[in-house]
C-alpha atoms as a PDB file:
ATOM      1  CA  MET A   1     100.582 102.088  92.880  1.00  0.00           C
ATOM      2  CA  GLU A   2     102.588 105.189  92.070  1.00  0.00           C
ATOM      3  CA  GLU A   3     104.265 107.894  94.114  1.00  0.00           C
ATOM      4  CA  GLU A   4     106.128 111.062  93.263  1.00  0.00           C
ATOM      5  CA  LEU A   5     109.895 110.640  93.198  1.00  0.00           C
ATOM      6  CA  PRO A   6     111.776 113.939  93.541  1.00  0.00           C
ATOM      7  CA  ALA A   7     114.339 114.554  90.784  1.00  0.00           C
ATOM      8  CA  GLU A   8     117.246 114.446  93.238  1.00  0.00           C
ATOM      9  CA  ARG A   9     116.177 111.112  94.780  1.00  0.00           C
ATOM     10  CA  THR A  10     117.641 107.940  93.268  1.00  0.00           C
ATOM     11  CA  ILE A  11     115.872 104.622  92.956  1.00  0.00           C
ATOM     12  CA  GLU A  12     118.555 103.162  95.238  1.00  0.00           C
ATOM     13  CA  ALA A  13     117.692 105.686  97.979  1.00  0.00           C
ATOM     14  CA  TYR A  14     113.986 104.966  97.514  1.00  0.00           C
ATOM     15  CA  LEU A  15     114.597 101.211  97.855  1.00  0.00           C
ATOM     16  CA  ASP A  16     116.739 101.745 100.967  1.00  0.00           C
ATOM     17  CA  THR A  17     113.770 103.480 102.593  1.00  0.00           C
ATOM     18  CA  GLN A  18     111.359 100.744 101.469  1.00  0.00           C
ATOM     19  CA  THR A  19     113.675  98.018 102.784  1.00  0.00           C
ATOM     20  CA  THR A  20     113.979  99.759 106.164  1.00  0.00           C
ATOM     21  CA  LEU A  21     110.184  99.984 106.440  1.00  0.00           C
ATOM     22  CA  LEU A  22     109.721  96.337 105.460  1.00  0.00           C
ATOM     23  CA  LYS A  23     112.239  95.190 108.058  1.00  0.00           C
ATOM     24  CA  HIS A  24     110.421  97.221 110.692  1.00  0.00           C
ATOM     25  CA  TYR A  25     106.909  95.927 109.954  1.00  0.00           C
ATOM     26  CA  LEU A  26     107.404  92.321 108.781  1.00  0.00           C
ATOM     27  CA  SER A  27     108.334  89.229 110.770  1.00  0.00           C
ATOM     28  CA  GLU A  28     111.870  88.054 109.949  1.00  0.00           C
ATOM     29  CA  PRO A  29     112.013  89.445 106.389  1.00  0.00           C
ATOM     30  CA  SER A  30     114.613  88.396 103.842  1.00  0.00           C
ATOM     31  CA  VAL A  31     115.091  91.076 101.167  1.00  0.00           C
ATOM     32  CA  GLU A  32     116.778  90.668  97.774  1.00  0.00           C
ATOM     33  CA  VAL A  33     117.259  93.691  95.504  1.00  0.00           C
ATOM     34  CA  SER A  34     118.119  93.527  91.787  1.00  0.00           C
ATOM     35  CA  LEU A  35     119.323  96.673  90.040  1.00  0.00           C
ATOM     36  CA  PRO A  36     118.498  96.741  87.217  1.00  0.00           C
ATOM     37  CA  GLY A  37     115.600  94.357  87.535  1.00  0.00           C
ATOM     38  CA  ASP A  38     113.565  92.553  84.902  1.00  0.00           C
ATOM     39  CA  PHE A  39     113.568  95.277  82.223  1.00  0.00           C
ATOM     40  CA  PRO A  40     117.094  96.064  81.006  1.00  0.00           C
ATOM     41  CA  ASN A  41     115.709  98.503  78.395  1.00  0.00           C
ATOM     42  CA  LEU A  42     114.433 100.910  81.067  1.00  0.00           C
ATOM     43  CA  GLN A  43     116.717 103.528  82.565  1.00  0.00           C
ATOM     44  CA  GLU A  44     115.531 103.226  86.145  1.00  0.00           C
ATOM     45  CA  GLU A  45     113.929 100.074  87.427  1.00  0.00           C
ATOM     46  CA  ALA A  46     114.481  97.465  90.091  1.00  0.00           C
ATOM     47  CA  THR A  47     113.069  94.262  91.485  1.00  0.00           C
ATOM     48  CA  LEU A  48     112.661  93.636  95.196  1.00  0.00           C
ATOM     49  CA  VAL A  49     111.824  90.142  96.476  1.00  0.00           C
ATOM     50  CA  VAL A  50     110.751  89.973 100.124  1.00  0.00           C
ATOM     51  CA  ARG A  51     110.195  86.726 101.994  1.00  0.00           C
ATOM     52  CA  HIS A  52     108.577  86.866 105.424  1.00  0.00           C
ATOM     53  CA  LYS A  53     106.303  84.944 107.756  1.00  0.00           C
ATOM     54  CA  GLY A  54     102.602  85.730 107.704  1.00  0.00           C
ATOM     55  CA  GLN A  55     100.536  86.026 110.868  1.00  0.00           C
ATOM     56  CA  ASP A  56      99.947  82.261 110.884  1.00  0.00           C
ATOM     57  CA  GLY A  57     103.661  81.486 110.366  1.00  0.00           C
ATOM     58  CA  THR A  58     103.306  80.643 106.663  1.00  0.00           C
ATOM     59  CA  LEU A  59     106.183  81.807 104.472  1.00  0.00           C
ATOM     60  CA  VAL A  60     105.008  84.564 102.103  1.00  0.00           C
ATOM     61  CA  VAL A  61     106.804  86.133  99.122  1.00  0.00           C
ATOM     62  CA  GLN A  62     106.283  89.655  97.803  1.00  0.00           C
ATOM     63  CA  HIS A  63     107.753  90.286  94.348  1.00  0.00           C
ATOM     64  CA  GLN A  64     107.859  94.032  93.773  1.00  0.00           C
ATOM     65  CA  LEU A  65     108.712  95.731  90.497  1.00  0.00           C
ATOM     66  CA  TYR A  66     109.731  99.405  90.652  1.00  0.00           C
ATOM     67  CA  ILE A  67     109.669 101.473  87.443  1.00  0.00           C
ATOM     68  CA  VAL A  68     110.685 105.129  87.339  1.00  0.00           C
ATOM     69  CA  ALA A  69     108.996 107.462  84.843  1.00  0.00           C
ATOM     70  CA  ARG A  70     109.940 110.830  86.305  1.00  0.00           C
ATOM     71  CA  PRO A  71     108.459 112.432  88.263  1.00  0.00           C
ATOM     72  CA  PHE A  72     106.806 109.168  89.379  1.00  0.00           C
ATOM     73  CA  ILE A  73     107.828 105.735  90.561  1.00  0.00           C
ATOM     74  CA  GLY A  74     105.350 102.941  89.911  1.00  0.00           C
ATOM     75  CA  ILE A  75     105.231  99.808  92.017  1.00  0.00           C
ATOM     76  CA  LEU A  76     103.667  96.510  90.999  1.00  0.00           C
ATOM     77  CA  THR A  77     103.493  93.860  93.728  1.00  0.00           C
ATOM     78  CA  LEU A  78     102.686  90.156  93.544  1.00  0.00           C
ATOM     79  CA  THR A  79     102.111  88.488  96.918  1.00  0.00           C
ATOM     80  CA  ALA A  80     102.040  84.689  97.102  1.00  0.00           C
ATOM     81  CA  LEU A  81     102.690  81.770  99.385  1.00  0.00           C
ATOM     82  CA  ASN A  82     106.286  80.618  99.072  1.00  0.00           C
ATOM     83  CA  SER A  83     105.100  77.223  97.792  1.00  0.00           C
ATOM     84  CA  GLU A  84     103.145  78.886  94.940  1.00  0.00           C
ATOM     85  CA  TYR A  85     105.718  81.550  94.077  1.00  0.00           C
ATOM     86  CA  PRO A  86     107.765  79.648  91.434  1.00  0.00           C
ATOM     87  CA  THR A  87     104.651  78.905  89.356  1.00  0.00           C
ATOM     88  CA  LEU A  88     103.275  82.427  89.711  1.00  0.00           C
ATOM     89  CA  LEU A  89     106.669  83.918  88.870  1.00  0.00           C
ATOM     90  CA  ASP A  90     106.533  82.257  85.438  1.00  0.00           C
ATOM     91  CA  GLU A  91     103.117  83.836  84.845  1.00  0.00           C
ATOM     92  CA  LEU A  92     104.310  87.180  86.202  1.00  0.00           C
ATOM     93  CA  ASP A  93     107.277  87.153  83.799  1.00  0.00           C
ATOM     94  CA  PHE A  94     104.828  86.662  80.925  1.00  0.00           C
ATOM     95  CA  VAL A  95     102.744  89.639  82.097  1.00  0.00           C
ATOM     96  CA  PHE A  96     105.827  91.835  82.593  1.00  0.00           C
ATOM     97  CA  LYS A  97     107.021  91.153  79.062  1.00  0.00           C
ATOM     98  CA  HIS A  98     103.742  92.556  77.708  1.00  0.00           C
ATOM     99  CA  PHE A  99     103.624  95.756  79.773  1.00  0.00           C
ATOM    100  CA  LEU A 100     103.978  99.144  78.190  1.00  0.00           C
ATOM    101  CA  PHE A 101     105.312 101.770  80.579  1.00  0.00           C
ATOM    102  CA  SER A 102     104.629 105.434  79.994  1.00  0.00           C
ATOM    103  CA  ASN A 103     104.703 108.599  82.049  1.00  0.00           C
ATOM    104  CA  ALA A 104     101.714 110.049  80.178  1.00  0.00           C
ATOM    105  CA  HIS A 105      98.813 111.021  82.416  1.00  0.00           C
END
C-alpha cells in the first residue's frame, strides 16, 4: 500500500497517527516502533510491530515496514499468529533484503 506523505510531514508524525488509530481499533495492542527500521541505507524508513488479540482471543502480530520515497510512503504488512511469527520473520527478512525501492511511477 502507498499513500501521499506531504513534504512537511515526518515519518515520526505519520507513525504517531498510525499508532493512535491502531490503539483505537485493536484489542489491547502492544506497539513497538524502530527508527530507523530494517534498512539502514534508506533515509526515511521505520518498522512497527503490533501485537493484539484477534476476535477469537488469539494473539496476532502485524509487522509493518514503512518506506518513504517522497512524495509517497509505502507500507508492507505481514500479519501472523504470534506462535508463527518468529519463523515468518526469518522469511520476511530474506524478502526484505531482496527488495528494490524506487519512487518511479
